[in-house]
Amino acid sequence: MVIDLSRCVGCNSCTLACKVSNGTPPAMFFSHVDIEEQGTYPDAMNIYTPRCACTAPRLPVSRTARPGRPIAMRTASCA
């Protein structure tokens, strides 16, 4: 997915597009939009940065969520 950061207004359409294309269950998202406030009144503004969770560091395969049950990892990317 290609996102023009100069035109991003924080609408989360990219988040929904990623969710639909990856078929994730309800309440599970691979991406989100970070909102950072910069400046002070009256010149304050928001900076929106779309993030893909697939680019986060992966857990080692040996880590377990519950004893005896390994964490399942998806091999698909958010691209």
C-alpha atoms as a PDB file:
ATOM      1  CA  MET A   1       0.000   0.000   0.000  1.00  0.00           C
ATOM      2  CA  VAL A   2       1.333   3.435  -0.898  1.00  0.00           C
ATOM      3  CA  ILE A   3       0.349   6.405   1.267  1.00  0.00           C
ATOM      4  CA  ASP A   4       1.125  10.036   0.422  1.00  0.00           C
ATOM      5  CA  LEU A   5       2.083  11.367   3.866  1.00  0.00           C
ATOM      6  CA  SER A   6       1.819  14.981   2.707  1.00  0.00           C
ATOM      7  CA  ARG A   7      -1.925  14.465   2.090  1.00  0.00           C
ATOM      8  CA  CYS A   8      -2.727  12.361   5.195  1.00  0.00           C
ATOM      9  CA  VAL A   9      -5.538  13.861   7.304  1.00  0.00           C
ATOM     10  CA  GLY A  10      -5.828  11.017   9.846  1.00  0.00           C
ATOM     11  CA  CYS A  11      -9.019   9.494   8.407  1.00  0.00           C
ATOM     12  CA  ASN A  12      -7.851   5.877   9.085  1.00  0.00           C
ATOM     13  CA  SER A  13      -8.897   4.680   5.604  1.00  0.00           C
ATOM     14  CA  CYS A  14      -5.499   2.969   5.297  1.00  0.00           C
ATOM     15  CA  THR A  15      -6.168   1.153   8.588  1.00  0.00           C
ATOM     16  CA  LEU A  16      -9.463  -0.181   7.269  1.00  0.00           C
ATOM     17  CA  ALA A  17      -7.958  -1.101   3.886  1.00  0.00           C
ATOM     18  CA  CYS A  18      -5.201  -3.076   5.639  1.00  0.00           C
ATOM     19  CA  LYS A  19      -7.800  -4.796   7.851  1.00  0.00           C
ATOM     20  CA  VAL A  20      -9.929  -5.811   4.854  1.00  0.00           C
ATOM     21  CA  SER A  21      -6.973  -7.013   2.762  1.00  0.00           C
ATOM     22  CA  ASN A  22      -5.560  -9.122   5.623  1.00  0.00           C
ATOM     23  CA  GLY A  23      -8.949 -10.443   6.813  1.00  0.00           C
ATOM     24  CA  THR A  24      -8.252  -9.877  10.500  1.00  0.00           C
ATOM     25  CA  PRO A  25     -10.912 -10.650  13.127  1.00  0.00           C
ATOM     26  CA  PRO A  26     -12.958  -7.860  14.781  1.00  0.00           C
ATOM     27  CA  ALA A  27     -10.966  -5.609  17.148  1.00  0.00           C
ATOM     28  CA  MET A  28      -7.621  -6.752  15.630  1.00  0.00           C
ATOM     29  CA  PHE A  29      -5.690  -4.296  13.476  1.00  0.00           C
ATOM     30  CA  PHE A  30      -2.287  -4.622  11.770  1.00  0.00           C
ATOM     31  CA  SER A  31      -1.973  -0.874  11.274  1.00  0.00           C
ATOM     32  CA  HIS A  32      -2.936   2.396  12.920  1.00  0.00           C
ATOM     33  CA  VAL A  33      -2.379   6.135  12.558  1.00  0.00           C
ATOM     34  CA  ASP A  34      -0.185   7.898  15.136  1.00  0.00           C
ATOM     35  CA  ILE A  35      -1.277  11.445  15.976  1.00  0.00           C
ATOM     36  CA  GLU A  36       1.355  13.866  17.266  1.00  0.00           C
ATOM     37  CA  GLU A  37       0.509  17.409  18.320  1.00  0.00           C
ATOM     38  CA  GLN A  38       3.148  20.022  17.468  1.00  0.00           C
ATOM     39  CA  GLY A  39       3.423  23.690  18.277  1.00  0.00           C
ATOM     40  CA  THR A  40       1.481  25.873  20.668  1.00  0.00           C
ATOM     41  CA  TYR A  41      -1.716  27.847  20.348  1.00  0.00           C
ATOM     42  CA  PRO A  42      -2.486  29.562  17.964  1.00  0.00           C
ATOM     43  CA  ASP A  43      -0.020  27.740  15.681  1.00  0.00           C
ATOM     44  CA  ALA A  44      -0.694  24.183  16.897  1.00  0.00           C
ATOM     45  CA  MET A  45      -1.116  21.380  14.369  1.00  0.00           C
ATOM     46  CA  ASN A  46      -1.465  17.608  14.245  1.00  0.00           C
ATOM     47  CA  ILE A  47       1.017  15.362  12.432  1.00  0.00           C
ATOM     48  CA  TYR A  48      -0.489  12.060  11.235  1.00  0.00           C
ATOM     49  CA  THR A  49       1.802   9.083  10.646  1.00  0.00           C
ATOM     50  CA  PRO A  50       0.331   5.790   9.382  1.00  0.00           C
ATOM     51  CA  ARG A  51       2.069   2.780  10.945  1.00  0.00           C
ATOM     52  CA  CYS A  52       2.022  -0.853   9.895  1.00  0.00           C
ATOM     53  CA  ALA A  53       2.385  -3.294  12.790  1.00  0.00           C
ATOM     54  CA  CYS A  54       4.004  -5.816  10.428  1.00  0.00           C
ATOM     55  CA  THR A  55       7.175  -3.712  10.508  1.00  0.00           C
ATOM     56  CA  ALA A  56       7.458  -4.113  14.276  1.00  0.00           C
ATOM     57  CA  PRO A  57      10.164  -6.465  15.586  1.00  0.00           C
ATOM     58  CA  ARG A  58       8.921 -10.055  15.590  1.00  0.00           C
ATOM     59  CA  LEU A  59       8.767 -12.164  18.751  1.00  0.00           C
ATOM     60  CA  PRO A  60      11.120 -15.120  18.784  1.00  0.00           C
ATOM     61  CA  VAL A  61       9.353 -18.334  17.740  1.00  0.00           C
ATOM     62  CA  SER A  62      10.312 -19.945  21.056  1.00  0.00           C
ATOM     63  CA  ARG A  63       8.238 -17.447  23.099  1.00  0.00           C
ATOM     64  CA  THR A  64       4.967 -18.856  24.409  1.00  0.00           C
ATOM     65  CA  ALA A  65       1.672 -17.138  25.152  1.00  0.00           C
ATOM     66  CA  ARG A  66       0.587 -19.969  27.457  1.00  0.00           C
ATOM     67  CA  PRO A  67       2.621 -22.906  28.701  1.00  0.00           C
ATOM     68  CA  GLY A  68       2.888 -25.525  25.973  1.00  0.00           C
ATOM     69  CA  ARG A  69       1.192 -23.384  23.277  1.00  0.00           C
ATOM     70  CA  PRO A  70       3.549 -21.460  20.935  1.00  0.00           C
ATOM     71  CA  ILE A  71       2.610 -18.071  19.553  1.00  0.00           C
ATOM     72  CA  ALA A  72       1.376 -18.310  15.955  1.00  0.00           C
ATOM     73  CA  MET A  73       3.020 -15.841  13.586  1.00  0.00           C
ATOM     74  CA  ARG A  74       1.713 -14.719  10.230  1.00  0.00           C
ATOM     75  CA  THR A  75       4.139 -14.780   7.355  1.00  0.00           C
ATOM     76  CA  ALA A  76       2.160 -12.278   5.244  1.00  0.00           C
ATOM     77  CA  SER A  77       3.300  -8.674   5.189  1.00  0.00           C
ATOM     78  CA  CYS A  78       1.242  -5.490   5.223  1.00  0.00           C
ATOM     79  CA  ALA A  79       2.463  -4.554   1.754  1.00  0.00           C
END
